[in-house]
Amino acid sequence: MKSLFLYGTLRHVPLLSAVLGRDAADLDVTAATLAGHEVCAVAGEVFPMIRKGGNGAEGILVRSLTPDDVARMEFYEGGFDYDLEEMTVTADGQTVEAQVFFPAPGAWTADGPWSLEKWIECFGKWSVYGALEEMSYFGQRSREQVDQMLSMIQARATAKVNASNCDLGHSPGGMVRADVSDVHVARPFAEFYTLEEYDLAFKRYDGSTSAMVRREVFVATDAIIVLPYDPVRDRVLLIEQFRPGPFARGDQKPWLLEPIAGRIDTNETAEETAHREAMEEAGLTLSRLEEVAHCYASPGCSTEYFDIYVGIADLPDDVAGVNGLEEEAEDIRSFIFSFNDLMRLVDEMQIVNAPLALAALWLARHRDRLRGAA
């Protein structure tokens, strides 16, 4: 059995529980201090580091850890380039030998004090969701393989936080998440996206509980959709790019005319993403955003969730062009359409991208207001 001194994010009990894969209430935990050290924020990151100096690093001492417990924590902390070192800490007025996670030399740059309370408020829930997925790969994939998936793991965690904080969606039947029971989850596929199998039962409208059923779910992320509109010139900007979904279906025209779209990155708001993607995909600066809808793309089989906007923009004749991020192999061409031409395409069923059709129909309802305010 080993003892570890934890000074950073693993002091957050729900995160520690997620990493260990068991109830943290069963652990032997006490407050402790590592003399001659201090905990600092890491420049450009949300987690802390420890270094020599200062008046002592406050943390917790976790005793009686099994080899599997330590291996799980090493797997998790390995994603942040940390290694264990033997140190002497003080707990309950006594000195105790314990292992401590120290950053690899030169791995991180200290950036002032770090607050556990502020971290929990801003990132606690997100970190727990991310850790639950990361640790599901323990014993199945190497840390290096998980690191390659980390940006999408974190984006999926962001989506879960967004969902837990959202109260949208009128439900006249009154059913809530707690009306789903006996949930067992497997993840038979996990790369950029994941596929999850849910075995569960749910409350029926007659008050009974359903039989156990299996439902496969494609797990994506939250995304923004933006239709740029110039109310002065009464025109929109649309983009065209290759889409693998239509290609996989067998569509003869897998280059789709679309609004601007993009994944909501880690701890980024939908509005921030909308402005970022407008610049990346079309070189546009949006003056403001008009909410169109917040909705699921295909709730029968996918977690993908859209925050859809009309973005007010200046769209002169020369604004169209070719854009996209080279590192993401994007090749995106933009086009200008008058409002009337856009609606003609909608009426002729030539718009086969559902969010674009939805945004266009919203624009038709609100166009007079937007033009009147221009």
Protein backbone atom coordinates (compact mmCIF):
# COMPACT_ATOMS: atom_id res chain seq x y z
CA MET A 1 0.00 0.00 0.00
CA LYS A 2 1.21 3.51 -0.80
CA SER A 3 0.45 7.07 0.27
CA LEU A 4 0.13 10.00 -2.14
CA PHE A 5 0.14 13.72 -1.43
CA LEU A 6 -2.27 15.49 -3.78
CA TYR A 7 -2.04 19.26 -4.13
CA GLY A 8 -3.97 20.03 -7.32
CA THR A 9 -7.14 19.06 -9.12
CA LEU A 10 -7.30 15.58 -7.58
CA ARG A 11 -8.14 17.25 -4.26
CA HIS A 12 -11.60 17.62 -5.82
CA VAL A 13 -13.29 14.50 -4.45
CA PRO A 14 -15.61 13.84 -7.45
CA LEU A 15 -12.58 13.95 -9.78
CA LEU A 16 -10.53 11.68 -7.51
CA SER A 17 -13.44 9.24 -7.45
CA ALA A 18 -13.68 9.30 -11.26
CA VAL A 19 -9.96 8.64 -11.65
CA LEU A 20 -9.87 5.81 -9.11
CA GLY A 21 -13.09 4.28 -10.36
CA ARG A 22 -14.50 3.91 -6.86
CA ASP A 23 -16.22 5.89 -4.14
CA ALA A 24 -13.79 8.39 -2.65
CA ALA A 25 -15.67 8.10 0.67
CA ASP A 26 -13.93 4.73 1.13
CA LEU A 27 -10.49 6.36 1.00
CA ASP A 28 -8.25 7.28 3.94
CA VAL A 29 -7.85 11.03 3.34
CA THR A 30 -6.48 13.77 5.61
CA ALA A 31 -5.21 17.33 5.18
CA ALA A 32 -1.45 17.61 4.69
CA THR A 33 1.33 20.07 3.85
CA LEU A 34 4.53 19.75 1.83
CA ALA A 35 7.03 22.18 3.36
CA GLY A 36 9.34 24.25 1.20
CA HIS A 37 7.08 24.07 -1.84
CA GLU A 38 4.27 26.07 -3.40
CA VAL A 39 1.40 25.40 -5.79
CA CYS A 40 1.23 27.65 -8.85
CA ALA A 41 -1.03 28.06 -11.83
CA VAL A 42 0.37 26.85 -15.16
CA ALA A 43 0.56 29.42 -17.94
CA GLY A 44 -2.12 28.78 -20.53
CA GLU A 45 -3.62 25.79 -18.66
CA VAL A 46 -6.32 25.23 -16.05
CA PHE A 47 -4.38 22.81 -13.82
CA PRO A 48 -1.59 23.68 -11.35
CA MET A 49 2.02 22.67 -10.83
CA ILE A 50 4.20 22.38 -7.74
CA ARG A 51 7.70 23.77 -7.31
CA LYS A 52 10.28 24.43 -4.63
CA GLY A 53 9.89 27.62 -2.61
CA GLY A 54 7.07 29.33 -0.78
CA ASN A 55 5.53 28.74 2.62
CA GLY A 56 4.34 25.19 2.04
CA ALA A 57 1.96 23.51 -0.35
CA GLU A 58 -1.46 22.63 1.06
CA GLY A 59 -3.08 19.39 -0.06
CA ILE A 60 -4.43 16.05 1.04
CA LEU A 61 -2.69 12.82 2.00
CA VAL A 62 -4.36 9.69 0.64
CA ARG A 63 -3.21 6.54 2.42
CA SER A 64 -3.55 2.81 1.74
CA LEU A 65 -3.66 3.12 -2.03
CA THR A 66 -3.49 -0.14 -3.96
CA PRO A 67 -1.11 -0.65 -6.89
CA ASP A 68 -4.15 -0.33 -9.18
CA ASP A 69 -5.07 3.01 -7.56
CA VAL A 70 -1.58 4.36 -8.17
CA ALA A 71 -1.51 3.02 -11.72
CA ARG A 72 -4.82 4.73 -12.46
CA MET A 73 -3.56 8.06 -11.13
CA GLU A 74 -0.31 7.71 -13.08
CA PHE A 75 -2.33 7.03 -16.22
CA TYR A 76 -4.45 10.14 -15.64
CA GLU A 77 -1.60 12.45 -14.63
CA GLY A 78 0.54 11.13 -17.47
CA GLY A 79 -1.62 13.17 -19.81
CA PHE A 80 -0.28 16.30 -18.12
CA ASP A 81 3.40 15.22 -18.17
CA TYR A 82 3.71 14.59 -14.42
CA ASP A 83 5.77 11.91 -12.64
CA LEU A 84 5.82 10.59 -9.06
CA GLU A 85 8.61 11.45 -6.60
CA GLU A 86 9.12 10.41 -2.97
CA MET A 87 8.75 13.29 -0.47
CA THR A 88 8.13 13.90 3.24
CA VAL A 89 4.86 15.64 4.13
CA THR A 90 3.22 16.68 7.38
CA ALA A 91 -0.21 15.32 8.31
CA ASP A 92 -1.92 15.30 11.71
CA GLY A 93 1.22 16.84 13.23
CA GLN A 94 3.45 13.98 12.06
CA THR A 95 5.87 13.61 9.16
CA VAL A 96 4.92 10.94 6.65
CA GLU A 97 6.61 9.56 3.54
CA ALA A 98 4.42 10.01 0.46
CA GLN A 99 4.69 10.19 -3.29
CA VAL A 100 3.98 13.46 -5.09
CA PHE A 101 3.26 14.23 -8.75
CA PHE A 102 5.90 16.67 -10.03
CA PRO A 103 5.96 18.13 -13.53
CA ALA A 104 8.70 17.00 -15.88
CA PRO A 105 11.55 19.57 -15.92
CA GLY A 106 10.70 22.42 -18.27
CA ALA A 107 7.27 21.01 -19.10
CA TRP A 108 5.28 23.93 -17.71
CA THR A 109 5.72 27.59 -16.81
CA ALA A 110 4.45 28.86 -13.45
CA ASP A 111 1.97 31.72 -13.66
CA GLY A 112 1.03 33.05 -10.23
CA PRO A 113 -1.17 31.52 -7.52
CA TRP A 114 -3.75 28.81 -8.20
CA SER A 115 -7.12 28.48 -6.44
CA LEU A 116 -8.80 25.10 -6.03
CA GLU A 117 -12.12 26.77 -5.23
CA LYS A 118 -12.07 28.87 -8.39
CA TRP A 119 -10.99 25.85 -10.44
CA ILE A 120 -13.90 23.78 -9.10
CA GLU A 121 -16.33 26.58 -9.94
CA CYS A 122 -15.06 26.96 -13.50
CA PHE A 123 -13.77 23.51 -14.45
CA GLY A 124 -14.74 20.96 -11.81
CA LYS A 125 -17.73 19.42 -13.54
CA TRP A 126 -16.01 19.50 -16.93
CA SER A 127 -12.92 17.74 -15.56
CA VAL A 128 -14.99 14.97 -14.00
CA TYR A 129 -16.82 14.27 -17.26
CA GLY A 130 -13.52 14.21 -19.14
CA ALA A 131 -11.87 11.95 -16.58
CA LEU A 132 -14.72 9.45 -16.72
CA GLU A 133 -14.12 8.94 -20.44
CA GLU A 134 -10.33 9.04 -20.15
CA MET A 135 -10.31 6.41 -17.41
CA SER A 136 -12.64 4.14 -19.38
CA TYR A 137 -9.62 3.52 -21.62
CA PHE A 138 -7.35 2.53 -18.71
CA GLY A 139 -5.93 -0.92 -19.42
CA GLN A 140 -7.22 -0.80 -23.00
CA ARG A 141 -5.21 2.00 -24.61
CA SER A 142 -1.88 3.63 -23.96
CA ARG A 143 -1.63 7.11 -22.53
CA GLU A 144 -0.23 8.25 -25.88
CA GLN A 145 -3.30 6.93 -27.70
CA VAL A 146 -5.62 8.69 -25.28
CA ASP A 147 -3.65 11.92 -25.67
CA GLN A 148 -4.42 11.84 -29.40
CA MET A 149 -8.14 11.74 -28.53
CA LEU A 150 -7.92 14.34 -25.77
CA SER A 151 -9.29 17.37 -27.64
CA MET A 152 -12.46 15.47 -28.56
CA ILE A 153 -12.76 13.94 -25.07
CA GLN A 154 -12.66 17.46 -23.68
CA ALA A 155 -15.15 18.74 -26.27
CA ARG A 156 -17.55 15.92 -25.36
CA ALA A 157 -17.09 16.85 -21.69
CA THR A 158 -17.96 20.45 -22.58
CA ALA A 159 -21.15 19.20 -24.25
CA LYS A 160 -22.11 17.26 -21.11
CA VAL A 161 -21.59 20.36 -18.97
CA ASN A 162 -23.71 22.39 -21.39
CA ALA A 163 -26.47 19.77 -21.26
CA SER A 164 -26.44 19.61 -17.46
CA ASN A 165 -26.80 23.39 -17.27
CA CYS A 166 -29.54 23.66 -19.90
CA ASP A 167 -33.24 23.83 -19.09
CA LEU A 168 -34.55 24.17 -22.66
CA GLY A 169 -37.02 21.74 -24.20
CA HIS A 170 -40.72 21.88 -23.36
CA SER A 171 -41.98 18.48 -22.15
CA PRO A 172 -45.76 18.28 -21.66
CA GLY A 173 -45.38 14.67 -20.52
CA GLY A 174 -43.24 15.79 -17.59
CA MET A 175 -40.59 13.08 -17.92
CA VAL A 176 -37.05 13.88 -16.74
CA ARG A 177 -33.63 12.21 -16.74
CA ALA A 178 -34.35 10.52 -13.41
CA ASP A 179 -37.11 8.52 -15.13
CA VAL A 180 -34.43 6.47 -16.94
CA SER A 181 -33.11 3.57 -14.84
CA ASP A 182 -30.74 0.59 -14.81
CA VAL A 183 -28.32 2.32 -17.14
CA HIS A 184 -25.29 0.37 -18.35
CA VAL A 185 -22.94 1.94 -20.89
CA ALA A 186 -20.38 0.34 -23.21
CA ARG A 187 -18.16 2.07 -25.74
CA PRO A 188 -17.38 -0.37 -28.58
CA PHE A 189 -15.80 2.31 -30.78
CA ALA A 190 -13.80 5.39 -29.85
CA GLU A 191 -11.62 7.51 -32.10
CA PHE A 192 -12.39 11.09 -33.17
CA TYR A 193 -16.05 10.31 -32.44
CA THR A 194 -17.37 7.54 -30.25
CA LEU A 195 -20.20 5.03 -30.38
CA GLU A 196 -21.89 4.15 -27.09
CA GLU A 197 -24.28 1.31 -26.31
CA TYR A 198 -26.88 2.02 -23.64
CA ASP A 199 -28.79 -0.77 -21.93
CA LEU A 200 -31.56 0.93 -19.97
CA ALA A 201 -35.20 1.05 -18.94
CA PHE A 202 -37.45 4.11 -18.98
CA LYS A 203 -40.72 5.21 -17.44
CA ARG A 204 -43.76 4.68 -19.67
CA TYR A 205 -46.72 7.03 -19.97
CA ASP A 206 -48.94 4.52 -18.14
CA GLY A 207 -46.62 4.77 -15.12
CA SER A 208 -44.93 1.40 -15.59
CA THR A 209 -41.27 0.80 -16.43
CA SER A 210 -40.24 -0.49 -19.83
CA ALA A 211 -38.32 -3.68 -20.40
CA MET A 212 -34.55 -3.32 -20.75
CA VAL A 213 -33.70 -2.01 -24.20
CA ARG A 214 -30.44 -1.35 -26.03
CA ARG A 215 -29.87 1.91 -27.87
CA GLU A 216 -26.73 2.76 -29.86
CA VAL A 217 -25.75 6.44 -29.82
CA PHE A 218 -23.25 8.31 -32.00
CA VAL A 219 -21.47 10.64 -29.57
CA ALA A 220 -20.38 13.90 -31.16
CA THR A 221 -20.07 17.37 -29.63
CA ASP A 222 -22.03 20.59 -29.45
CA ALA A 223 -21.66 22.79 -32.54
CA ILE A 224 -22.61 26.24 -33.73
CA ILE A 225 -24.35 27.13 -36.98
CA VAL A 226 -24.16 30.69 -38.33
CA LEU A 227 -25.93 32.11 -41.38
CA PRO A 228 -24.22 35.46 -42.15
CA TYR A 229 -26.75 38.08 -43.29
CA ASP A 230 -26.25 41.63 -44.52
CA PRO A 231 -29.55 43.47 -43.86
CA VAL A 232 -28.46 46.52 -45.88
CA ARG A 233 -27.68 44.57 -49.05
CA ASP A 234 -30.28 41.88 -48.24
CA ARG A 235 -27.91 39.02 -48.95
CA VAL A 236 -26.37 36.01 -47.22
CA LEU A 237 -23.04 34.24 -47.37
CA LEU A 238 -23.01 30.45 -47.75
CA ILE A 239 -20.07 28.08 -47.85
CA GLU A 240 -19.48 24.89 -49.81
CA GLN A 241 -17.22 22.02 -48.80
CA PHE A 242 -16.86 18.25 -49.10
CA ARG A 243 -18.91 16.36 -46.52
CA PRO A 244 -18.20 12.68 -45.73
CA GLY A 245 -21.73 12.01 -44.44
CA PRO A 246 -23.46 12.49 -47.81
CA PHE A 247 -20.56 10.68 -49.51
CA ALA A 248 -20.96 7.66 -47.21
CA ARG A 249 -24.71 7.64 -47.96
CA GLY A 250 -23.96 7.46 -51.68
CA ASP A 251 -24.94 11.03 -52.53
CA GLN A 252 -23.74 12.10 -55.99
CA LYS A 253 -23.16 15.66 -54.73
CA PRO A 254 -21.18 15.35 -51.49
CA TRP A 255 -20.09 19.01 -51.67
CA LEU A 256 -22.85 20.76 -49.71
CA LEU A 257 -23.99 24.35 -49.59
CA GLU A 258 -24.08 25.22 -45.91
CA PRO A 259 -24.00 27.94 -43.29
CA ILE A 260 -20.82 28.42 -41.29
CA ALA A 261 -20.48 25.66 -38.68
CA GLY A 262 -17.99 24.43 -36.13
CA ARG A 263 -17.42 22.42 -32.98
CA ILE A 264 -17.64 24.24 -29.64
CA ASP A 265 -14.19 23.82 -28.15
CA THR A 266 -13.28 23.22 -24.53
CA ASN A 267 -14.79 25.82 -22.19
CA GLU A 268 -15.77 28.03 -25.10
CA THR A 269 -19.22 29.59 -25.28
CA ALA A 270 -21.39 29.07 -28.33
CA GLU A 271 -21.19 32.78 -29.10
CA GLU A 272 -17.39 32.77 -28.95
CA THR A 273 -17.31 29.77 -31.27
CA ALA A 274 -19.64 31.48 -33.73
CA HIS A 275 -17.37 34.51 -34.04
CA ARG A 276 -14.25 32.33 -34.29
CA GLU A 277 -15.67 30.06 -36.96
CA ALA A 278 -16.96 33.00 -39.02
CA MET A 279 -13.40 34.29 -39.22
CA GLU A 280 -11.82 30.86 -39.86
CA GLU A 281 -14.25 29.66 -42.52
CA ALA A 282 -15.15 32.91 -44.28
CA GLY A 283 -12.87 35.67 -43.01
CA LEU A 284 -15.92 37.44 -41.57
CA THR A 285 -16.36 39.70 -38.57
CA LEU A 286 -19.90 39.49 -37.21
CA SER A 287 -21.37 42.60 -35.60
CA ARG A 288 -23.93 40.62 -33.58
CA LEU A 289 -25.73 37.30 -33.37
CA GLU A 290 -29.47 36.61 -33.58
CA GLU A 291 -30.61 33.37 -31.93
CA VAL A 292 -32.45 31.01 -34.26
CA ALA A 293 -32.66 27.72 -32.34
CA HIS A 294 -30.90 25.49 -29.84
CA CYS A 295 -31.67 21.93 -30.85
CA TYR A 296 -30.61 18.33 -31.41
CA ALA A 297 -29.59 17.37 -34.94
CA SER A 298 -30.88 13.78 -34.82
CA PRO A 299 -32.00 12.83 -31.28
CA GLY A 300 -32.90 9.26 -32.18
CA CYS A 301 -29.28 8.28 -32.67
CA SER A 302 -26.86 11.15 -31.96
CA THR A 303 -25.83 13.51 -29.17
CA GLU A 304 -24.94 16.29 -31.64
CA TYR A 305 -26.50 19.57 -30.53
CA PHE A 306 -26.72 22.79 -32.53
CA ASP A 307 -26.70 26.41 -31.41
CA ILE A 308 -28.00 28.14 -34.54
CA TYR A 309 -27.63 31.86 -35.26
CA VAL A 310 -28.05 34.44 -37.95
CA GLY A 311 -24.93 36.59 -37.83
CA ILE A 312 -25.24 40.23 -38.89
CA ALA A 313 -22.32 41.10 -41.17
CA ASP A 314 -21.08 43.39 -43.90
CA LEU A 315 -21.13 41.37 -47.15
CA PRO A 316 -19.68 43.36 -50.07
CA ASP A 317 -19.21 41.76 -53.49
CA ASP A 318 -15.58 40.82 -52.86
CA VAL A 319 -16.13 39.05 -49.53
CA ALA A 320 -16.48 35.58 -51.08
CA GLY A 321 -13.39 33.43 -51.48
CA VAL A 322 -11.63 30.26 -50.34
CA ASN A 323 -10.82 29.78 -46.65
CA GLY A 324 -10.37 27.08 -44.01
CA LEU A 325 -7.68 25.84 -41.65
CA GLU A 326 -4.85 23.98 -43.38
CA GLU A 327 -4.14 21.89 -40.27
CA GLU A 328 -7.72 20.56 -40.43
CA ALA A 329 -7.50 19.90 -44.20
CA GLU A 330 -10.34 22.35 -44.77
CA ASP A 331 -11.03 23.59 -48.30
CA ILE A 332 -14.02 25.92 -48.02
CA ARG A 333 -15.39 28.19 -50.71
CA SER A 334 -17.88 30.94 -49.89
CA PHE A 335 -20.61 32.36 -52.13
CA ILE A 336 -22.95 35.35 -51.93
CA PHE A 337 -26.68 34.83 -52.51
CA SER A 338 -29.47 37.38 -52.43
CA PHE A 339 -32.23 36.67 -49.93
CA ASN A 340 -34.63 35.91 -52.79
CA ASP A 341 -32.20 33.44 -54.37
CA LEU A 342 -31.74 31.73 -51.01
CA MET A 343 -35.47 31.28 -50.56
CA ARG A 344 -35.83 30.06 -54.14
CA LEU A 345 -33.29 27.33 -53.39
CA VAL A 346 -35.21 26.42 -50.23
CA ASP A 347 -38.51 26.23 -52.13
CA GLU A 348 -36.93 24.14 -54.89
CA MET A 349 -35.58 21.63 -52.33
CA GLN A 350 -32.02 22.47 -53.37
CA ILE A 351 -30.96 23.21 -49.79
CA VAL A 352 -30.23 19.76 -48.35
CA ASN A 353 -28.53 20.96 -45.17
CA ALA A 354 -31.22 21.03 -42.46
CA PRO A 355 -29.73 23.79 -40.26
CA LEU A 356 -29.43 26.04 -43.31
CA ALA A 357 -33.07 25.46 -44.25
CA LEU A 358 -34.11 26.20 -40.65
CA ALA A 359 -32.02 29.38 -40.48
CA ALA A 360 -33.34 30.54 -43.87
CA LEU A 361 -36.95 30.09 -42.78
CA TRP A 362 -36.20 31.95 -39.53
CA LEU A 363 -34.65 34.76 -41.57
CA ALA A 364 -37.78 34.95 -43.72
CA ARG A 365 -39.83 35.58 -40.56
CA HIS A 366 -37.46 38.20 -39.10
CA ARG A 367 -36.06 39.84 -42.23
CA ASP A 368 -38.23 42.97 -42.05
CA ARG A 369 -37.20 43.61 -38.44
CA LEU A 370 -33.52 43.18 -39.23
CA ARG A 371 -33.68 45.40 -42.30
CA GLY A 372 -35.62 48.05 -40.42
CA ALA A 373 -32.95 48.22 -37.73
CA ALA A 374 -30.04 48.38 -40.21
